[in-house]
Amino acid sequence: MTVVNIYDQEKKVVGEIDLPDNIFNVEIKPGILNFVVKAHLSAKRVGTASVKTRSTIRGGGKKPWRQKGTGRARVGSIRSPLWVGGAVSHGPKPRDYSFKVNKKVKRLAMRMALSSKVKNNELLVLDKLEVTEPKTKELVKIKKNLEVKKALIVLPKHDKNIFLSGRNLADIKLMLDKDINVYDILKYDTLVITPEVVENIKQRLA
């Protein structure tokens, strides 16, 4: 077991929590993390880029001039890819960029990402996260007390006040524990969670 401190919103130590080694202290393999992050980003690509080819572009059915005798190069259609306003050769068509990642690999990458946060002292466990009203300054104050810059805050359940307070902060991302992924964990400098989130992660990755 890895033991880390539990802090309050003033960053005062209020207790300790045991983190299982099979989730928060595994060997980190950059190749697996890279593979899962690439899969995550590829799945987010829209892939709707498209151009018209000779078979789909309108017009060009009539030969613009006769084959011989004009002194000009032979042309069969004004929609040739060589012409302005013509079709596009080998251009992009709608496609799906996503690729499959096995569930075991996803879970392993998640364990590695969490372990990297513990190893680099970038994991912060709060006893709770509360704001009295939905104002950005409330979360800014907590952020300042915790001495974090770019942070991913993971909550066990939706809290309207907290999510409204954080939506204008570019360096803070709020997320529910059921939505966490390897990419966001690695992207942000600090991972802020609660003991309830730890329990949910343990159940998810058990």
N, C-alpha and C. Protein backbone atom coordinates (compact mmCIF):
# COMPACT_ATOMS: atom_id res chain seq x y z
N MET A 1 0.83 -1.21 0.00
CA MET A 1 0.00 0.00 0.00
C MET A 1 0.86 1.26 0.00
N THR A 2 0.43 2.23 -0.77
CA THR A 2 1.06 3.55 -0.78
C THR A 2 0.21 4.49 0.05
N VAL A 3 0.82 5.15 1.01
CA VAL A 3 0.08 6.03 1.91
C VAL A 3 0.33 7.48 1.50
N VAL A 4 -0.77 8.22 1.30
CA VAL A 4 -0.66 9.65 0.98
C VAL A 4 -1.54 10.44 1.93
N ASN A 5 -1.24 11.70 2.08
CA ASN A 5 -2.00 12.57 2.98
C ASN A 5 -3.33 12.99 2.36
N ILE A 6 -4.29 13.23 3.22
CA ILE A 6 -5.56 13.83 2.81
C ILE A 6 -5.56 15.28 3.32
N TYR A 7 -5.90 16.21 2.42
CA TYR A 7 -5.88 17.63 2.77
C TYR A 7 -7.30 18.20 2.76
N ASP A 8 -7.46 19.31 3.47
CA ASP A 8 -8.71 20.06 3.35
C ASP A 8 -8.51 21.16 2.31
N GLN A 9 -9.49 22.01 2.14
CA GLN A 9 -9.41 23.04 1.11
C GLN A 9 -8.41 24.14 1.43
N GLU A 10 -7.90 24.14 2.65
CA GLU A 10 -6.85 25.09 3.04
C GLU A 10 -5.47 24.45 2.92
N LYS A 11 -5.43 23.24 2.42
CA LYS A 11 -4.21 22.41 2.26
C LYS A 11 -3.56 22.10 3.62
N LYS A 12 -4.41 21.81 4.59
CA LYS A 12 -3.95 21.32 5.88
C LYS A 12 -4.20 19.82 5.95
N VAL A 13 -3.22 19.09 6.45
CA VAL A 13 -3.35 17.63 6.52
C VAL A 13 -4.42 17.27 7.55
N VAL A 14 -5.40 16.47 7.10
CA VAL A 14 -6.50 16.07 7.99
C VAL A 14 -6.57 14.55 8.14
N GLY A 15 -5.67 13.83 7.46
CA GLY A 15 -5.69 12.38 7.58
C GLY A 15 -4.80 11.73 6.54
N GLU A 16 -4.92 10.41 6.43
CA GLU A 16 -4.14 9.64 5.46
C GLU A 16 -5.06 8.64 4.76
N ILE A 17 -4.63 8.22 3.57
CA ILE A 17 -5.38 7.22 2.83
C ILE A 17 -4.42 6.22 2.20
N ASP A 18 -4.82 4.95 2.20
CA ASP A 18 -4.00 3.90 1.60
C ASP A 18 -4.41 3.71 0.15
N LEU A 19 -3.44 3.77 -0.74
CA LEU A 19 -3.69 3.56 -2.16
C LEU A 19 -3.12 2.20 -2.56
N PRO A 20 -3.93 1.31 -3.13
CA PRO A 20 -3.44 -0.03 -3.49
C PRO A 20 -2.34 0.03 -4.54
N ASP A 21 -1.30 -0.76 -4.31
CA ASP A 21 -0.15 -0.75 -5.22
C ASP A 21 -0.49 -1.27 -6.62
N ASN A 22 -1.50 -2.13 -6.72
CA ASN A 22 -1.83 -2.68 -8.04
C ASN A 22 -2.53 -1.66 -8.93
N ILE A 23 -2.85 -0.48 -8.38
CA ILE A 23 -3.47 0.58 -9.17
C ILE A 23 -2.61 1.85 -9.18
N PHE A 24 -2.04 2.19 -8.04
CA PHE A 24 -1.32 3.47 -7.90
C PHE A 24 0.20 3.30 -7.81
N ASN A 25 0.67 2.08 -8.00
CA ASN A 25 2.12 1.89 -7.93
C ASN A 25 2.55 0.74 -8.85
N VAL A 26 2.24 0.90 -10.15
CA VAL A 26 2.61 -0.11 -11.13
C VAL A 26 3.75 0.41 -11.99
N GLU A 27 4.40 -0.51 -12.69
CA GLU A 27 5.50 -0.12 -13.57
C GLU A 27 4.95 0.69 -14.74
N ILE A 28 5.60 1.80 -15.03
CA ILE A 28 5.13 2.70 -16.09
C ILE A 28 5.86 2.39 -17.39
N LYS A 29 5.08 2.09 -18.43
CA LYS A 29 5.62 1.80 -19.75
C LYS A 29 5.12 2.87 -20.72
N PRO A 30 6.00 3.79 -21.12
CA PRO A 30 5.59 4.91 -21.98
C PRO A 30 4.94 4.46 -23.29
N GLY A 31 5.35 3.34 -23.83
CA GLY A 31 4.79 2.87 -25.10
C GLY A 31 3.30 2.60 -25.01
N ILE A 32 2.86 2.01 -23.90
CA ILE A 32 1.43 1.72 -23.71
C ILE A 32 0.66 3.01 -23.51
N LEU A 33 1.20 3.93 -22.72
CA LEU A 33 0.53 5.22 -22.52
C LEU A 33 0.40 5.98 -23.84
N ASN A 34 1.46 5.95 -24.64
CA ASN A 34 1.43 6.64 -25.93
C ASN A 34 0.37 6.04 -26.84
N PHE A 35 0.26 4.72 -26.85
CA PHE A 35 -0.72 4.03 -27.69
C PHE A 35 -2.15 4.41 -27.30
N VAL A 36 -2.44 4.42 -26.02
CA VAL A 36 -3.79 4.73 -25.55
C VAL A 36 -4.12 6.20 -25.78
N VAL A 37 -3.16 7.09 -25.58
CA VAL A 37 -3.40 8.52 -25.83
C VAL A 37 -3.66 8.76 -27.31
N LYS A 38 -2.91 8.10 -28.18
CA LYS A 38 -3.13 8.24 -29.63
C LYS A 38 -4.52 7.74 -30.00
N ALA A 39 -4.96 6.65 -29.38
CA ALA A 39 -6.30 6.13 -29.65
C ALA A 39 -7.37 7.12 -29.21
N HIS A 40 -7.14 7.75 -28.06
CA HIS A 40 -8.10 8.74 -27.53
C HIS A 40 -8.21 9.94 -28.47
N LEU A 41 -7.08 10.46 -28.91
CA LEU A 41 -7.09 11.63 -29.79
C LEU A 41 -7.62 11.28 -31.17
N SER A 42 -7.33 10.09 -31.65
CA SER A 42 -7.82 9.67 -32.97
C SER A 42 -9.34 9.54 -32.97
N ALA A 43 -9.88 9.05 -31.87
CA ALA A 43 -11.34 8.89 -31.77
C ALA A 43 -12.05 10.24 -31.76
N LYS A 44 -11.35 11.29 -31.34
CA LYS A 44 -11.95 12.62 -31.28
C LYS A 44 -11.91 13.33 -32.64
N ARG A 45 -11.13 12.82 -33.58
CA ARG A 45 -11.05 13.45 -34.90
C ARG A 45 -12.38 13.31 -35.63
N VAL A 46 -12.83 14.38 -36.23
CA VAL A 46 -14.13 14.37 -36.88
C VAL A 46 -14.11 13.53 -38.15
N GLY A 47 -13.10 13.71 -38.98
CA GLY A 47 -12.98 12.89 -40.19
C GLY A 47 -14.03 13.16 -41.24
N THR A 48 -14.50 14.42 -41.35
CA THR A 48 -15.54 14.74 -42.33
C THR A 48 -14.99 15.44 -43.57
N ALA A 49 -13.68 15.64 -43.66
CA ALA A 49 -13.10 16.30 -44.82
C ALA A 49 -13.43 15.50 -46.08
N SER A 50 -13.87 16.22 -47.13
CA SER A 50 -14.28 15.51 -48.34
C SER A 50 -14.12 16.43 -49.55
N VAL A 51 -13.75 15.87 -50.69
CA VAL A 51 -13.67 16.60 -51.96
C VAL A 51 -14.40 15.82 -53.03
N LYS A 52 -14.71 16.49 -54.13
CA LYS A 52 -15.41 15.83 -55.23
C LYS A 52 -14.41 15.28 -56.25
N THR A 53 -14.72 14.09 -56.71
CA THR A 53 -13.87 13.44 -57.70
C THR A 53 -14.50 13.58 -59.09
N ARG A 54 -13.88 12.99 -60.10
CA ARG A 54 -14.40 13.07 -61.47
C ARG A 54 -15.82 12.51 -61.57
N SER A 55 -16.11 11.54 -60.72
CA SER A 55 -17.42 10.88 -60.81
C SER A 55 -18.52 11.64 -60.09
N THR A 56 -18.16 12.57 -59.20
CA THR A 56 -19.18 13.26 -58.41
C THR A 56 -19.33 14.74 -58.74
N ILE A 57 -18.35 15.34 -59.41
CA ILE A 57 -18.42 16.77 -59.71
C ILE A 57 -19.39 17.02 -60.86
N ARG A 58 -20.08 18.15 -60.79
CA ARG A 58 -21.09 18.46 -61.79
C ARG A 58 -20.45 19.02 -63.06
N GLY A 59 -21.01 18.67 -64.22
CA GLY A 59 -20.56 19.22 -65.49
C GLY A 59 -19.39 18.44 -66.09
N GLY A 60 -18.89 18.97 -67.21
CA GLY A 60 -17.73 18.36 -67.84
C GLY A 60 -18.05 17.19 -68.74
N GLY A 61 -19.33 17.00 -69.06
CA GLY A 61 -19.67 15.86 -69.91
C GLY A 61 -19.34 16.08 -71.37
N LYS A 62 -19.30 17.32 -71.78
CA LYS A 62 -19.04 17.63 -73.20
C LYS A 62 -17.55 17.91 -73.41
N LYS A 63 -17.03 17.38 -74.50
CA LYS A 63 -15.63 17.64 -74.85
C LYS A 63 -15.50 19.10 -75.27
N PRO A 64 -14.62 19.88 -74.63
CA PRO A 64 -14.57 21.33 -74.88
C PRO A 64 -14.17 21.70 -76.31
N TRP A 65 -13.33 20.98 -76.93
CA TRP A 65 -12.98 21.19 -78.36
C TRP A 65 -12.56 19.87 -78.98
N ARG A 66 -12.51 19.88 -80.28
CA ARG A 66 -12.23 18.62 -80.98
C ARG A 66 -10.84 18.11 -80.68
N GLN A 67 -10.64 16.83 -80.95
CA GLN A 67 -9.41 16.16 -80.56
C GLN A 67 -8.19 16.72 -81.28
N LYS A 68 -8.32 16.96 -82.60
CA LYS A 68 -7.15 17.36 -83.39
C LYS A 68 -7.43 18.65 -84.17
N GLY A 69 -6.36 19.29 -84.57
CA GLY A 69 -6.47 20.40 -85.49
C GLY A 69 -6.56 21.78 -84.87
N THR A 70 -6.64 21.86 -83.56
CA THR A 70 -6.75 23.19 -82.95
C THR A 70 -5.40 23.75 -82.51
N GLY A 71 -4.40 22.91 -82.42
CA GLY A 71 -3.09 23.34 -81.94
C GLY A 71 -2.97 23.32 -80.43
N ARG A 72 -4.06 23.00 -79.79
CA ARG A 72 -4.05 22.93 -78.32
C ARG A 72 -3.99 21.47 -77.86
N ALA A 73 -3.63 21.29 -76.61
CA ALA A 73 -3.57 19.94 -76.06
C ALA A 73 -4.96 19.33 -76.03
N ARG A 74 -5.01 18.02 -76.21
CA ARG A 74 -6.31 17.33 -76.20
C ARG A 74 -6.90 17.34 -74.78
N VAL A 75 -8.18 17.59 -74.72
CA VAL A 75 -8.90 17.67 -73.45
C VAL A 75 -10.23 16.96 -73.60
N GLY A 76 -10.57 16.15 -72.62
CA GLY A 76 -11.83 15.42 -72.70
C GLY A 76 -12.92 16.02 -71.84
N SER A 77 -12.53 16.85 -70.84
CA SER A 77 -13.54 17.40 -69.93
C SER A 77 -12.99 18.65 -69.26
N ILE A 78 -13.88 19.62 -69.05
CA ILE A 78 -13.45 20.84 -68.35
C ILE A 78 -13.34 20.59 -66.85
N ARG A 79 -13.72 19.41 -66.40
CA ARG A 79 -13.62 19.06 -64.98
C ARG A 79 -12.40 18.19 -64.69
N SER A 80 -11.44 18.25 -65.56
CA SER A 80 -10.18 17.53 -65.33
C SER A 80 -9.50 18.09 -64.08
N PRO A 81 -8.82 17.25 -63.30
CA PRO A 81 -8.08 17.75 -62.12
C PRO A 81 -7.02 18.78 -62.47
N LEU A 82 -6.65 18.88 -63.74
CA LEU A 82 -5.64 19.85 -64.17
C LEU A 82 -6.23 21.24 -64.34
N TRP A 83 -7.53 21.32 -64.39
CA TRP A 83 -8.20 22.59 -64.66
C TRP A 83 -8.70 23.25 -63.37
N VAL A 84 -8.72 24.61 -63.41
CA VAL A 84 -9.33 25.33 -62.30
C VAL A 84 -10.83 25.03 -62.30
N GLY A 85 -11.36 24.69 -61.13
CA GLY A 85 -12.77 24.31 -61.04
C GLY A 85 -13.00 22.86 -61.34
N GLY A 86 -11.92 22.13 -61.56
CA GLY A 86 -12.05 20.71 -61.86
C GLY A 86 -12.09 19.86 -60.60
N ALA A 87 -12.13 18.56 -60.80
CA ALA A 87 -12.16 17.61 -59.70
C ALA A 87 -10.80 17.57 -59.00
N VAL A 88 -10.75 16.85 -57.87
CA VAL A 88 -9.51 16.70 -57.10
C VAL A 88 -9.07 15.24 -57.15
N SER A 89 -7.81 15.04 -57.44
CA SER A 89 -7.27 13.68 -57.49
C SER A 89 -6.80 13.23 -56.12
N HIS A 90 -7.20 12.06 -55.72
CA HIS A 90 -6.72 11.44 -54.47
C HIS A 90 -6.93 12.34 -53.25
N GLY A 91 -8.03 13.09 -53.25
CA GLY A 91 -8.33 13.96 -52.12
C GLY A 91 -8.94 13.21 -50.96
N PRO A 92 -9.14 13.89 -49.82
CA PRO A 92 -9.70 13.22 -48.64
C PRO A 92 -11.18 12.90 -48.83
N LYS A 93 -11.60 11.81 -48.22
CA LYS A 93 -13.00 11.42 -48.16
C LYS A 93 -13.34 11.13 -46.70
N PRO A 94 -14.62 11.22 -46.32
CA PRO A 94 -14.98 10.96 -44.92
C PRO A 94 -14.47 9.61 -44.44
N ARG A 95 -13.89 9.59 -43.25
CA ARG A 95 -13.34 8.35 -42.70
C ARG A 95 -13.35 8.39 -41.18
N ASP A 96 -13.22 7.22 -40.61
CA ASP A 96 -13.18 7.08 -39.16
C ASP A 96 -11.73 6.82 -38.75
N TYR A 97 -11.18 7.72 -37.93
CA TYR A 97 -9.78 7.61 -37.53
C TYR A 97 -9.57 6.73 -36.30
N SER A 98 -10.65 6.35 -35.64
CA SER A 98 -10.51 5.59 -34.40
C SER A 98 -10.00 4.18 -34.66
N PHE A 99 -9.35 3.63 -33.65
CA PHE A 99 -8.92 2.23 -33.72
C PHE A 99 -9.10 1.59 -32.36
N LYS A 100 -9.18 0.28 -32.38
CA LYS A 100 -9.55 -0.46 -31.18
C LYS A 100 -8.38 -0.56 -30.20
N VAL A 101 -8.72 -0.43 -28.93
CA VAL A 101 -7.78 -0.69 -27.85
C VAL A 101 -8.44 -1.69 -26.91
N ASN A 102 -7.77 -2.77 -26.62
CA ASN A 102 -8.34 -3.79 -25.74
C ASN A 102 -8.62 -3.24 -24.35
N LYS A 103 -9.67 -3.75 -23.71
CA LYS A 103 -10.05 -3.27 -22.38
C LYS A 103 -8.91 -3.45 -21.37
N LYS A 104 -8.20 -4.56 -21.45
CA LYS A 104 -7.10 -4.80 -20.52
C LYS A 104 -6.00 -3.76 -20.69
N VAL A 105 -5.76 -3.37 -21.93
CA VAL A 105 -4.72 -2.36 -22.18
C VAL A 105 -5.18 -1.00 -21.66
N LYS A 106 -6.47 -0.69 -21.83
CA LYS A 106 -7.00 0.58 -21.32
C LYS A 106 -6.86 0.65 -19.80
N ARG A 107 -7.23 -0.45 -19.13
CA ARG A 107 -7.13 -0.47 -17.67
C ARG A 107 -5.68 -0.36 -17.21
N LEU A 108 -4.79 -1.05 -17.91
CA LEU A 108 -3.37 -0.99 -17.56
C LEU A 108 -2.83 0.42 -17.73
N ALA A 109 -3.21 1.08 -18.83
CA ALA A 109 -2.76 2.45 -19.08
C ALA A 109 -3.30 3.40 -18.01
N MET A 110 -4.53 3.16 -17.56
CA MET A 110 -5.11 4.00 -16.50
C MET A 110 -4.31 3.83 -15.21
N ARG A 111 -3.96 2.60 -14.89
CA ARG A 111 -3.15 2.36 -13.69
C ARG A 111 -1.79 3.05 -13.80
N MET A 112 -1.20 3.00 -15.00
CA MET A 112 0.10 3.64 -15.22
C MET A 112 0.00 5.15 -15.07
N ALA A 113 -1.06 5.72 -15.61
CA ALA A 113 -1.25 7.18 -15.52
C ALA A 113 -1.42 7.61 -14.07
N LEU A 114 -2.21 6.87 -13.31
CA LEU A 114 -2.40 7.19 -11.89
C LEU A 114 -1.10 6.99 -11.11
N SER A 115 -0.37 5.95 -11.44
CA SER A 115 0.90 5.67 -10.77
C SER A 115 1.91 6.78 -11.04
N SER A 116 1.89 7.32 -12.27
CA SER A 116 2.83 8.40 -12.60
C SER A 116 2.54 9.65 -11.77
N LYS A 117 1.26 9.89 -11.47
CA LYS A 117 0.91 11.05 -10.65
C LYS A 117 1.40 10.87 -9.21
N VAL A 118 1.26 9.66 -8.70
CA VAL A 118 1.75 9.39 -7.34
C VAL A 118 3.27 9.48 -7.30
N LYS A 119 3.91 8.88 -8.30
CA LYS A 119 5.38 8.86 -8.34
C LYS A 119 5.96 10.27 -8.42
N ASN A 120 5.30 11.16 -9.16
CA ASN A 120 5.82 12.51 -9.37
C ASN A 120 5.23 13.53 -8.38
N ASN A 121 4.56 13.02 -7.32
CA ASN A 121 3.94 13.89 -6.31
C ASN A 121 2.96 14.88 -6.94
N GLU A 122 2.19 14.40 -7.91
CA GLU A 122 1.23 15.24 -8.60
C GLU A 122 -0.20 14.82 -8.30
N LEU A 123 -0.37 14.00 -7.26
CA LEU A 123 -1.70 13.57 -6.83
C LEU A 123 -2.05 14.27 -5.52
N LEU A 124 -3.22 14.89 -5.50
CA LEU A 124 -3.66 15.61 -4.31
C LEU A 124 -5.04 15.07 -3.92
N VAL A 125 -5.13 14.54 -2.69
CA VAL A 125 -6.40 13.98 -2.20
C VAL A 125 -7.03 14.97 -1.23
N LEU A 126 -8.23 15.44 -1.55
CA LEU A 126 -8.97 16.36 -0.69
C LEU A 126 -10.05 15.60 0.07
N ASP A 127 -10.28 16.00 1.32
CA ASP A 127 -11.36 15.35 2.07
C ASP A 127 -12.72 15.64 1.44
N LYS A 128 -12.86 16.84 0.87
CA LYS A 128 -14.08 17.21 0.15
C LYS A 128 -13.80 18.50 -0.62
N LEU A 129 -14.65 18.77 -1.58
CA LEU A 129 -14.55 20.01 -2.36
C LEU A 129 -15.93 20.66 -2.38
N GLU A 130 -16.01 21.83 -1.79
CA GLU A 130 -17.29 22.53 -1.69
C GLU A 130 -17.10 24.02 -1.96
N VAL A 131 -18.10 24.61 -2.60
CA VAL A 131 -18.15 26.06 -2.76
C VAL A 131 -19.54 26.51 -2.32
N THR A 132 -19.62 27.69 -1.70
CA THR A 132 -20.89 28.16 -1.15
C THR A 132 -21.83 28.69 -2.23
N GLU A 133 -21.25 29.23 -3.31
CA GLU A 133 -22.07 29.77 -4.39
C GLU A 133 -21.32 29.61 -5.71
N PRO A 134 -22.05 29.59 -6.83
CA PRO A 134 -21.41 29.35 -8.13
C PRO A 134 -20.67 30.57 -8.67
N LYS A 135 -19.53 30.85 -8.09
CA LYS A 135 -18.72 31.97 -8.54
C LYS A 135 -17.29 31.52 -8.78
N THR A 136 -16.71 32.04 -9.84
CA THR A 136 -15.35 31.64 -10.23
C THR A 136 -14.35 31.94 -9.12
N LYS A 137 -14.53 33.06 -8.44
CA LYS A 137 -13.57 33.44 -7.40
C LYS A 137 -13.50 32.42 -6.27
N GLU A 138 -14.60 31.69 -6.05
CA GLU A 138 -14.62 30.66 -5.02
C GLU A 138 -13.60 29.57 -5.35
N LEU A 139 -13.63 29.10 -6.61
CA LEU A 139 -12.71 28.04 -7.01
C LEU A 139 -11.28 28.57 -7.17
N VAL A 140 -11.15 29.82 -7.56
CA VAL A 140 -9.82 30.43 -7.66
C VAL A 140 -9.16 30.49 -6.30
N LYS A 141 -9.94 30.79 -5.29
CA LYS A 141 -9.41 30.83 -3.92
C LYS A 141 -8.93 29.45 -3.48
N ILE A 142 -9.72 28.43 -3.75
CA ILE A 142 -9.33 27.06 -3.40
C ILE A 142 -8.07 26.66 -4.16
N LYS A 143 -8.04 26.99 -5.44
CA LYS A 143 -6.88 26.69 -6.29
C LYS A 143 -5.61 27.34 -5.73
N LYS A 144 -5.75 28.58 -5.28
CA LYS A 144 -4.61 29.29 -4.70
C LYS A 144 -4.16 28.64 -3.40
N ASN A 145 -5.13 28.24 -2.56
CA ASN A 145 -4.79 27.58 -1.29
C ASN A 145 -4.06 26.26 -1.53
N LEU A 146 -4.49 25.53 -2.55
CA LEU A 146 -3.89 24.22 -2.83
C LEU A 146 -2.55 24.34 -3.56
N GLU A 147 -2.24 25.54 -4.04
CA GLU A 147 -0.98 25.82 -4.73
C GLU A 147 -0.83 24.95 -5.98
N VAL A 148 -1.90 24.90 -6.75
CA VAL A 148 -1.86 24.16 -8.02
C VAL A 148 -2.04 25.15 -9.16
N LYS A 149 -1.49 24.82 -10.31
CA LYS A 149 -1.60 25.68 -11.49
C LYS A 149 -2.57 25.07 -12.50
N LYS A 150 -2.12 24.03 -13.17
CA LYS A 150 -2.95 23.37 -14.17
C LYS A 150 -3.43 22.05 -13.57
N ALA A 151 -4.71 21.97 -13.25
CA ALA A 151 -5.19 20.81 -12.48
C ALA A 151 -6.43 20.19 -13.09
N LEU A 152 -6.51 18.86 -12.94
CA LEU A 152 -7.71 18.10 -13.27
C LEU A 152 -8.38 17.73 -11.96
N ILE A 153 -9.58 18.23 -11.74
CA ILE A 153 -10.32 17.97 -10.51
C ILE A 153 -11.40 16.93 -10.81
N VAL A 154 -11.33 15.81 -10.13
CA VAL A 154 -12.27 14.71 -10.36
C VAL A 154 -13.23 14.61 -9.19
N LEU A 155 -14.51 14.61 -9.49
CA LEU A 155 -15.54 14.57 -8.46
C LEU A 155 -16.35 13.28 -8.55
N PRO A 156 -16.88 12.81 -7.42
CA PRO A 156 -17.67 11.57 -7.44
C PRO A 156 -19.07 11.75 -8.00
N LYS A 157 -19.60 12.97 -7.92
CA LYS A 157 -20.94 13.25 -8.44
C LYS A 157 -21.02 14.70 -8.87
N HIS A 158 -22.02 15.00 -9.68
CA HIS A 158 -22.15 16.34 -10.24
C HIS A 158 -22.55 17.34 -9.15
N ASP A 159 -21.80 18.42 -9.09
CA ASP A 159 -22.11 19.52 -8.17
C ASP A 159 -22.23 20.79 -9.01
N LYS A 160 -23.45 21.29 -9.14
CA LYS A 160 -23.71 22.43 -10.02
C LYS A 160 -22.87 23.64 -9.67
N ASN A 161 -22.75 23.95 -8.39
CA ASN A 161 -21.98 25.12 -7.97
C ASN A 161 -20.51 25.03 -8.39
N ILE A 162 -19.94 23.84 -8.20
CA ILE A 162 -18.52 23.66 -8.54
C ILE A 162 -18.31 23.73 -10.04
N PHE A 163 -19.16 23.07 -10.81
CA PHE A 163 -18.99 23.07 -12.26
C PHE A 163 -19.22 24.45 -12.86
N LEU A 164 -20.16 25.21 -12.31
CA LEU A 164 -20.35 26.58 -12.78
C LEU A 164 -19.19 27.47 -12.39
N SER A 165 -18.60 27.22 -11.23
CA SER A 165 -17.47 28.03 -10.76
C SER A 165 -16.22 27.80 -11.60
N GLY A 166 -16.10 26.60 -12.17
CA GLY A 166 -14.86 26.28 -12.87
C GLY A 166 -14.91 26.38 -14.37
N ARG A 167 -16.07 26.69 -14.94
CA ARG A 167 -16.17 26.65 -16.40
C ARG A 167 -15.42 27.79 -17.09
N ASN A 168 -15.08 28.86 -16.35
CA ASN A 168 -14.34 29.98 -16.96
C ASN A 168 -12.83 29.90 -16.70
N LEU A 169 -12.38 28.84 -16.04
CA LEU A 169 -10.96 28.70 -15.73
C LEU A 169 -10.30 27.80 -16.76
N ALA A 170 -9.40 28.38 -17.55
CA ALA A 170 -8.77 27.63 -18.63
C ALA A 170 -7.80 26.57 -18.12
N ASP A 171 -7.23 26.79 -16.95
CA ASP A 171 -6.22 25.86 -16.43
C ASP A 171 -6.81 24.86 -15.43
N ILE A 172 -8.13 24.82 -15.32
CA ILE A 172 -8.80 23.86 -14.45
C ILE A 172 -9.83 23.09 -15.27
N LYS A 173 -9.83 21.78 -15.12
CA LYS A 173 -10.86 20.97 -15.78
C LYS A 173 -11.56 20.14 -14.72
N LEU A 174 -12.88 20.18 -14.73
CA LEU A 174 -13.69 19.42 -13.80
C LEU A 174 -14.30 18.22 -14.51
N MET A 175 -14.29 17.09 -13.84
CA MET A 175 -14.74 15.86 -14.48
C MET A 175 -15.26 14.89 -13.43
N LEU A 176 -16.24 14.08 -13.81
CA LEU A 176 -16.73 13.03 -12.92
C LEU A 176 -15.82 11.82 -13.03
N ASP A 177 -15.74 11.03 -11.95
CA ASP A 177 -14.80 9.90 -11.94
C ASP A 177 -15.12 8.86 -13.01
N LYS A 178 -16.39 8.77 -13.42
CA LYS A 178 -16.75 7.79 -14.45
C LYS A 178 -16.25 8.19 -15.83
N ASP A 179 -15.83 9.45 -15.98
CA ASP A 179 -15.39 9.96 -17.28
C ASP A 179 -13.88 10.13 -17.39
N ILE A 180 -13.14 9.85 -16.35
CA ILE A 180 -11.69 10.11 -16.41
C ILE A 180 -11.04 9.20 -17.45
N ASN A 181 -9.99 9.71 -18.05
CA ASN A 181 -9.26 8.97 -19.07
C ASN A 181 -7.78 9.26 -18.97
N VAL A 182 -6.99 8.46 -19.62
CA VAL A 182 -5.53 8.56 -19.54
C VAL A 182 -5.04 9.90 -20.08
N TYR A 183 -5.63 10.36 -21.16
CA TYR A 183 -5.17 11.59 -21.79
C TYR A 183 -5.27 12.78 -20.84
N ASP A 184 -6.44 12.97 -20.21
CA ASP A 184 -6.62 14.12 -19.32
C ASP A 184 -5.78 14.00 -18.05
N ILE A 185 -5.59 12.78 -17.55
CA ILE A 185 -4.76 12.60 -16.37
C ILE A 185 -3.33 13.06 -16.65
N LEU A 186 -2.82 12.69 -17.82
CA LEU A 186 -1.44 13.03 -18.16
C LEU A 186 -1.31 14.49 -18.60
N LYS A 187 -2.37 15.05 -19.15
CA LYS A 187 -2.31 16.42 -19.68
C LYS A 187 -2.14 17.46 -18.59
N TYR A 188 -2.81 17.25 -17.45
CA TYR A 188 -2.79 18.27 -16.39
C TYR A 188 -1.70 17.97 -15.37
N ASP A 189 -1.11 19.05 -14.84
CA ASP A 189 0.02 18.92 -13.93
C ASP A 189 -0.36 18.23 -12.63
N THR A 190 -1.56 18.49 -12.13
CA THR A 190 -1.98 17.95 -10.84
C THR A 190 -3.33 17.27 -10.98
N LEU A 191 -3.45 16.11 -10.34
CA LEU A 191 -4.72 15.40 -10.30
C LEU A 191 -5.29 15.55 -8.89
N VAL A 192 -6.47 16.17 -8.80
CA VAL A 192 -7.11 16.40 -7.50
C VAL A 192 -8.32 15.48 -7.39
N ILE A 193 -8.34 14.63 -6.36
CA ILE A 193 -9.44 13.68 -6.17
C ILE A 193 -9.86 13.67 -4.71
N THR A 194 -10.93 12.94 -4.43
CA THR A 194 -11.42 12.79 -3.05
C THR A 194 -11.37 11.31 -2.68
N PRO A 195 -11.46 10.98 -1.40
CA PRO A 195 -11.46 9.56 -1.00
C PRO A 195 -12.57 8.76 -1.67
N GLU A 196 -13.71 9.38 -1.91
CA GLU A 196 -14.81 8.68 -2.59
C GLU A 196 -14.44 8.34 -4.02
N VAL A 197 -13.72 9.25 -4.67
CA VAL A 197 -13.25 8.99 -6.03
C VAL A 197 -12.25 7.84 -6.04
N VAL A 198 -11.39 7.80 -5.01
CA VAL A 198 -10.42 6.69 -4.90
C VAL A 198 -11.15 5.36 -4.83
N GLU A 199 -12.21 5.29 -4.03
CA GLU A 199 -12.98 4.05 -3.90
C GLU A 199 -13.63 3.67 -5.23
N ASN A 200 -14.15 4.65 -5.94
CA ASN A 200 -14.77 4.37 -7.23
C ASN A 200 -13.75 3.89 -8.26
N ILE A 201 -12.55 4.47 -8.21
CA ILE A 201 -11.48 4.03 -9.12
C ILE A 201 -11.06 2.61 -8.79
N LYS A 202 -10.97 2.31 -7.52
CA LYS A 202 -10.61 0.94 -7.10
C LYS A 202 -11.63 -0.07 -7.61
N GLN A 203 -12.90 0.26 -7.53
CA GLN A 203 -13.93 -0.65 -8.03
C GLN A 203 -13.87 -0.78 -9.55
N ARG A 204 -13.57 0.32 -10.20
CA ARG A 204 -13.51 0.32 -11.68
C ARG A 204 -12.33 -0.48 -12.21
N LEU A 205 -11.20 -0.39 -11.51
CA LEU A 205 -9.98 -1.04 -11.99
C LEU A 205 -9.63 -2.34 -11.25
N ALA A 206 -10.52 -2.78 -10.40
CA ALA A 206 -10.25 -4.00 -9.61
C ALA A 206 -10.14 -5.20 -10.54
